[in-house]
Amino acid sequence: MDRKELGAQLKRSHNCCQAVLLAFEDLLPYDKESLLTLGSTFGSGMGGMMGTCGALVGAEMVLGMLSRKTAGMNGSSRRLFAAFEEKCGNSRCIDLKGVLTGRMLCSCEDCVRNAIACVEEQIQPLA
């Protein structure tokens, strides 16, 4: 199964951040339970506060873990963030879900797919 579709399937039983993290479980230095714990507070826009999309947060975490760097990741992080916003139309859960406007920009499953795609685009140079 394609990693993006795996993430969308995982979203049906986990929050967006957890779904992205688990979609990369095979490449990350953590087990499933650790990844679930790590992503547990980032659902519904960081703790249910409708802020930054949990899928984007998960993607940024994965990028950091896969890069194996401890510093100097701001450029890569900004590129991932910009690519996510381009694909989804925004980075805030409240706007993506259309809570205030009544117009959804991107479904949660599509946010997960797009976040995974953004990571895959960024890690190609790392491989």
C-alpha atoms as a PDB file:
ATOM      1  CA  MET A   1       0.000   0.000   0.000  1.00  0.00           C
ATOM      2  CA  ASP A   2       1.177   3.498  -0.861  1.00  0.00           C
ATOM      3  CA  ARG A   3       2.394   5.439   2.224  1.00  0.00           C
ATOM      4  CA  LYS A   4      -0.125   8.256   1.606  1.00  0.00           C
ATOM      5  CA  GLU A   5      -3.024   5.801   1.491  1.00  0.00           C
ATOM      6  CA  LEU A   6      -1.699   4.024   4.575  1.00  0.00           C
ATOM      7  CA  GLY A   7      -1.753   7.371   6.384  1.00  0.00           C
ATOM      8  CA  ALA A   8      -5.319   8.079   5.258  1.00  0.00           C
ATOM      9  CA  GLN A   9      -6.372   4.642   6.477  1.00  0.00           C
ATOM     10  CA  LEU A  10      -4.605   5.204   9.828  1.00  0.00           C
ATOM     11  CA  LYS A  11      -6.440   8.520  10.200  1.00  0.00           C
ATOM     12  CA  ARG A  12      -9.696   6.591  10.561  1.00  0.00           C
ATOM     13  CA  SER A  13      -8.570   5.332  13.977  1.00  0.00           C
ATOM     14  CA  HIS A  14      -5.947   7.905  15.068  1.00  0.00           C
ATOM     15  CA  ASN A  15      -5.484  11.664  15.058  1.00  0.00           C
ATOM     16  CA  CYS A  16      -3.817  13.366  12.074  1.00  0.00           C
ATOM     17  CA  CYS A  17      -0.394  13.663  13.693  1.00  0.00           C
ATOM     18  CA  GLN A  18      -0.399  10.024  14.788  1.00  0.00           C
ATOM     19  CA  ALA A  19      -1.472   8.901  11.314  1.00  0.00           C
ATOM     20  CA  VAL A  20       1.485  10.669   9.695  1.00  0.00           C
ATOM     21  CA  LEU A  21       3.945   9.367  12.271  1.00  0.00           C
ATOM     22  CA  LEU A  22       2.677   5.788  11.944  1.00  0.00           C
ATOM     23  CA  ALA A  23       2.815   5.954   8.149  1.00  0.00           C
ATOM     24  CA  PHE A  24       6.603   6.343   8.514  1.00  0.00           C
ATOM     25  CA  GLU A  25       6.983   3.856  11.380  1.00  0.00           C
ATOM     26  CA  ASP A  26       9.168   1.568   9.257  1.00  0.00           C
ATOM     27  CA  LEU A  27      11.740   4.361   8.831  1.00  0.00           C
ATOM     28  CA  LEU A  28      11.657   5.861  12.329  1.00  0.00           C
ATOM     29  CA  PRO A  29      13.684   4.869  15.396  1.00  0.00           C
ATOM     30  CA  TYR A  30      10.567   4.458  17.592  1.00  0.00           C
ATOM     31  CA  ASP A  31       7.989   1.726  18.068  1.00  0.00           C
ATOM     32  CA  LYS A  32       4.277   2.157  17.423  1.00  0.00           C
ATOM     33  CA  GLU A  33       3.345   2.900  21.036  1.00  0.00           C
ATOM     34  CA  SER A  34       6.036   5.576  21.316  1.00  0.00           C
ATOM     35  CA  LEU A  35       4.857   7.232  18.090  1.00  0.00           C
ATOM     36  CA  LEU A  36       1.242   7.155  19.289  1.00  0.00           C
ATOM     37  CA  THR A  37       2.286   8.785  22.557  1.00  0.00           C
ATOM     38  CA  LEU A  38       4.449  11.370  20.788  1.00  0.00           C
ATOM     39  CA  GLY A  39       1.559  12.420  18.539  1.00  0.00           C
ATOM     40  CA  SER A  40      -1.243  12.105  21.093  1.00  0.00           C
ATOM     41  CA  THR A  41      -1.584  15.809  21.926  1.00  0.00           C
ATOM     42  CA  PHE A  42      -1.535  17.149  18.371  1.00  0.00           C
ATOM     43  CA  GLY A  43      -5.036  16.207  17.222  1.00  0.00           C
ATOM     44  CA  SER A  44      -7.558  18.826  16.119  1.00  0.00           C
ATOM     45  CA  GLY A  45      -4.949  21.506  15.664  1.00  0.00           C
ATOM     46  CA  MET A  46      -2.559  20.974  18.573  1.00  0.00           C
ATOM     47  CA  GLY A  47      -4.501  19.874  21.604  1.00  0.00           C
ATOM     48  CA  GLY A  48      -7.932  20.547  20.164  1.00  0.00           C
ATOM     49  CA  MET A  49      -7.235  24.274  19.933  1.00  0.00           C
ATOM     50  CA  MET A  50      -7.658  24.389  16.129  1.00  0.00           C
ATOM     51  CA  GLY A  51      -4.134  25.736  15.583  1.00  0.00           C
ATOM     52  CA  THR A  52      -1.476  24.196  13.368  1.00  0.00           C
ATOM     53  CA  CYS A  53      -2.743  21.077  11.601  1.00  0.00           C
ATOM     54  CA  GLY A  54      -1.667  17.892  13.363  1.00  0.00           C
ATOM     55  CA  ALA A  55      -0.732  16.292  10.040  1.00  0.00           C
ATOM     56  CA  LEU A  56       1.716  19.130   9.407  1.00  0.00           C
ATOM     57  CA  VAL A  57       3.127  18.790  12.929  1.00  0.00           C
ATOM     58  CA  GLY A  58       3.620  15.060  12.355  1.00  0.00           C
ATOM     59  CA  ALA A  59       5.288  15.724   9.013  1.00  0.00           C
ATOM     60  CA  GLU A  60       7.718  18.168  10.617  1.00  0.00           C
ATOM     61  CA  MET A  61       8.527  15.586  13.321  1.00  0.00           C
ATOM     62  CA  VAL A  62       9.156  12.902  10.704  1.00  0.00           C
ATOM     63  CA  LEU A  63      11.363  15.252   8.677  1.00  0.00           C
ATOM     64  CA  GLY A  64      13.456  15.980  11.749  1.00  0.00           C
ATOM     65  CA  MET A  65      13.802  12.325  12.701  1.00  0.00           C
ATOM     66  CA  LEU A  66      14.679  11.223   9.177  1.00  0.00           C
ATOM     67  CA  SER A  67      17.254  13.964   8.696  1.00  0.00           C
ATOM     68  CA  ARG A  68      19.095  12.810  11.813  1.00  0.00           C
ATOM     69  CA  LYS A  69      20.266  16.399  12.360  1.00  0.00           C
ATOM     70  CA  THR A  70      20.140  18.221  15.680  1.00  0.00           C
ATOM     71  CA  ALA A  71      20.358  21.727  14.201  1.00  0.00           C
ATOM     72  CA  GLY A  72      20.081  23.609  10.934  1.00  0.00           C
ATOM     73  CA  MET A  73      16.686  22.292   9.863  1.00  0.00           C
ATOM     74  CA  ASN A  74      14.811  25.606   9.610  1.00  0.00           C
ATOM     75  CA  GLY A  75      15.137  25.816   5.817  1.00  0.00           C
ATOM     76  CA  SER A  76      13.837  22.287   5.310  1.00  0.00           C
ATOM     77  CA  SER A  77      11.051  22.920   7.797  1.00  0.00           C
ATOM     78  CA  ARG A  78       9.978  26.106   6.009  1.00  0.00           C
ATOM     79  CA  ARG A  79       9.952  24.312   2.652  1.00  0.00           C
ATOM     80  CA  LEU A  80       7.791  21.524   4.055  1.00  0.00           C
ATOM     81  CA  PHE A  81       5.437  24.073   5.655  1.00  0.00           C
ATOM     82  CA  ALA A  82       5.111  26.046   2.409  1.00  0.00           C
ATOM     83  CA  ALA A  83       4.519  22.895   0.352  1.00  0.00           C
ATOM     84  CA  PHE A  84       1.804  21.774   2.787  1.00  0.00           C
ATOM     85  CA  GLU A  85       0.061  25.157   2.625  1.00  0.00           C
ATOM     86  CA  GLU A  86       0.231  25.089  -1.182  1.00  0.00           C
ATOM     87  CA  LYS A  87      -1.337  21.616  -1.329  1.00  0.00           C
ATOM     88  CA  CYS A  88      -3.961  22.168   1.387  1.00  0.00           C
ATOM     89  CA  GLY A  89      -4.712  25.876   1.184  1.00  0.00           C
ATOM     90  CA  ASN A  90      -3.760  26.689   4.786  1.00  0.00           C
ATOM     91  CA  SER A  91      -1.895  25.307   7.794  1.00  0.00           C
ATOM     92  CA  ARG A  92      -4.427  25.939  10.565  1.00  0.00           C
ATOM     93  CA  CYS A  93      -6.940  23.238  11.420  1.00  0.00           C
ATOM     94  CA  ILE A  94      -9.741  25.756  11.980  1.00  0.00           C
ATOM     95  CA  ASP A  95      -9.280  27.104   8.441  1.00  0.00           C
ATOM     96  CA  LEU A  96      -8.715  23.721   6.802  1.00  0.00           C
ATOM     97  CA  LYS A  97     -11.948  22.398   8.326  1.00  0.00           C
ATOM     98  CA  GLY A  98     -13.844  25.597   7.488  1.00  0.00           C
ATOM     99  CA  VAL A  99     -15.094  26.004  11.054  1.00  0.00           C
ATOM    100  CA  LEU A 100     -15.599  29.765  10.732  1.00  0.00           C
ATOM    101  CA  THR A 101     -16.372  29.964   7.010  1.00  0.00           C
ATOM    102  CA  GLY A 102     -18.419  26.815   6.453  1.00  0.00           C
ATOM    103  CA  ARG A 103     -16.110  25.974   3.529  1.00  0.00           C
ATOM    104  CA  MET A 104     -13.707  23.085   4.038  1.00  0.00           C
ATOM    105  CA  LEU A 105     -10.388  23.615   2.292  1.00  0.00           C
ATOM    106  CA  CYS A 106      -8.990  20.120   2.826  1.00  0.00           C
ATOM    107  CA  SER A 107     -10.334  17.038   4.589  1.00  0.00           C
ATOM    108  CA  CYS A 108      -8.330  15.491   7.421  1.00  0.00           C
ATOM    109  CA  GLU A 109      -7.524  12.424   5.319  1.00  0.00           C
ATOM    110  CA  ASP A 110      -6.299  14.659   2.485  1.00  0.00           C
ATOM    111  CA  CYS A 111      -4.234  16.720   4.939  1.00  0.00           C
ATOM    112  CA  VAL A 112      -2.587  13.471   6.050  1.00  0.00           C
ATOM    113  CA  ARG A 113      -1.972  12.418   2.433  1.00  0.00           C
ATOM    114  CA  ASN A 114      -0.533  15.843   1.581  1.00  0.00           C
ATOM    115  CA  ALA A 115       1.655  15.963   4.689  1.00  0.00           C
ATOM    116  CA  ILE A 116       3.116  12.561   3.814  1.00  0.00           C
ATOM    117  CA  ALA A 117       3.690  13.688   0.217  1.00  0.00           C
ATOM    118  CA  CYS A 118       5.511  16.779   1.489  1.00  0.00           C
ATOM    119  CA  VAL A 119       7.813  14.653   3.642  1.00  0.00           C
ATOM    120  CA  GLU A 120       8.502  12.296   0.752  1.00  0.00           C
ATOM    121  CA  GLU A 121       9.411  15.276  -1.446  1.00  0.00           C
ATOM    122  CA  GLN A 122      11.776  16.639   1.208  1.00  0.00           C
ATOM    123  CA  ILE A 123      13.527  13.363   2.050  1.00  0.00           C
ATOM    124  CA  GLN A 124      14.411  12.481  -1.555  1.00  0.00           C
ATOM    125  CA  PRO A 125      17.639  14.555  -1.292  1.00  0.00           C
ATOM    126  CA  LEU A 126      18.424  12.863   2.067  1.00  0.00           C
ATOM    127  CA  ALA A 127      18.311   9.354   0.589  1.00  0.00           C
END
